[in-house]
Amino acid sequence: MPDGDGKPEPPQIDPAKLEQLLEIELMQKRAAWRQAKAKRGNLRALSFMFLFLVIIGALLAFFFVFSSGTLSELRPGRSDGSPTPTASPE
């Protein structure tokens, strides 16, 4: 029954029904959280795998560049074959 101020009374909600609805909503949120956690875990694993591959590639490049010869062979030198001048005390 409406009061004299014209506002209707809020409907009475059964506490058991309200508890059941809240439990269903919480179960749905937990399932969404589990899916998001699994997705984050997969992305994290892929990130570490990519980082590992980049580091291995850098190490292999370092090995092949510096195992091909001495550093003097890698430096740009004179193409006429003349020796490079060295500083020696006289």
Protein backbone atom coordinates (compact mmCIF):
# COMPACT_ATOMS: atom_id res chain seq x y z
CA MET A 1 0.00 0.00 0.00
CA PRO A 2 1.37 3.39 -0.87
CA ASP A 3 2.00 5.80 1.92
CA GLY A 4 0.49 9.22 2.07
CA ASP A 5 3.55 10.79 0.36
CA GLY A 6 2.88 8.98 -2.94
CA LYS A 7 6.01 6.77 -2.93
CA PRO A 8 5.43 3.07 -3.55
CA GLU A 9 6.95 0.60 -1.12
CA PRO A 10 9.93 -1.40 -2.41
CA PRO A 11 9.01 -4.97 -3.27
CA GLN A 12 9.93 -7.56 -0.69
CA ILE A 13 12.70 -9.85 -1.98
CA ASP A 14 13.05 -13.36 -0.68
CA PRO A 15 16.49 -13.66 1.00
CA ALA A 16 16.98 -17.22 -0.24
CA LYS A 17 16.31 -16.17 -3.84
CA LEU A 18 18.64 -13.17 -3.46
CA GLU A 19 21.37 -15.43 -2.07
CA GLN A 20 20.95 -17.83 -4.98
CA LEU A 21 21.17 -15.01 -7.55
CA LEU A 22 24.28 -13.58 -5.92
CA GLU A 23 25.91 -17.03 -5.84
CA ILE A 24 25.21 -17.51 -9.56
CA GLU A 25 26.68 -14.09 -10.34
CA LEU A 26 29.79 -14.89 -8.27
CA MET A 27 30.24 -18.23 -10.06
CA GLN A 28 30.11 -16.44 -13.43
CA LYS A 29 32.70 -13.89 -12.30
CA ARG A 30 35.00 -16.63 -11.01
CA ALA A 31 34.81 -18.41 -14.36
CA ALA A 32 35.68 -15.16 -16.16
CA TRP A 33 38.59 -14.58 -13.78
CA ARG A 34 39.93 -18.10 -14.43
CA GLN A 35 39.79 -17.55 -18.18
CA ALA A 36 41.61 -14.21 -17.87
CA LYS A 37 44.26 -15.82 -15.64
CA ALA A 38 44.84 -18.62 -18.15
CA LYS A 39 45.17 -16.11 -20.98
CA ARG A 40 47.69 -14.05 -18.98
CA GLY A 41 49.68 -17.21 -18.22
CA ASN A 42 49.88 -18.12 -21.90
CA LEU A 43 50.96 -14.62 -22.85
CA ARG A 44 53.62 -14.61 -20.13
CA ALA A 45 55.01 -17.94 -21.32
CA LEU A 46 55.16 -16.71 -24.91
CA SER A 47 56.93 -13.53 -23.79
CA PHE A 48 59.62 -15.48 -21.96
CA MET A 49 60.03 -17.83 -24.93
CA PHE A 50 60.51 -14.87 -27.29
CA LEU A 51 63.03 -13.26 -24.94
CA PHE A 52 64.93 -16.55 -24.68
CA LEU A 53 65.06 -16.88 -28.47
CA VAL A 54 66.33 -13.30 -28.88
CA ILE A 55 69.12 -13.90 -26.35
CA ILE A 56 70.10 -17.20 -28.01
CA GLY A 57 70.14 -15.46 -31.42
CA ALA A 58 72.36 -12.69 -30.08
CA LEU A 59 74.77 -15.22 -28.58
CA LEU A 60 74.93 -17.17 -31.83
CA ALA A 61 75.56 -13.98 -33.83
CA PHE A 62 78.29 -12.98 -31.39
CA PHE A 63 79.88 -16.42 -31.70
CA PHE A 64 79.87 -16.46 -35.51
CA VAL A 65 81.15 -12.90 -35.87
CA PHE A 66 84.02 -13.27 -33.45
CA SER A 67 84.95 -16.89 -34.18
CA SER A 68 85.59 -16.20 -37.88
CA GLY A 69 88.95 -14.60 -37.15
CA THR A 70 90.75 -12.00 -35.17
CA LEU A 71 89.43 -8.53 -34.59
CA SER A 72 92.01 -7.08 -36.97
CA GLU A 73 90.36 -8.98 -39.81
CA LEU A 74 87.01 -7.46 -38.94
CA ARG A 75 88.25 -3.87 -38.87
CA PRO A 76 88.04 -1.92 -42.10
CA GLY A 77 91.64 -1.71 -43.22
CA ARG A 78 93.62 -0.65 -46.21
CA SER A 79 92.88 -2.55 -49.37
CA ASP A 80 96.40 -2.12 -50.83
CA GLY A 81 97.90 -4.61 -48.41
CA SER A 82 100.35 -2.19 -46.81
CA PRO A 83 100.86 -2.62 -43.08
CA THR A 84 99.16 -0.24 -40.75
CA PRO A 85 101.44 2.22 -38.97
CA THR A 86 102.12 1.50 -35.32
CA ALA A 87 103.45 3.78 -32.65
CA SER A 88 106.84 2.58 -31.44
CA PRO A 89 109.31 4.43 -29.26
CA GLU A 90 112.67 5.17 -30.92
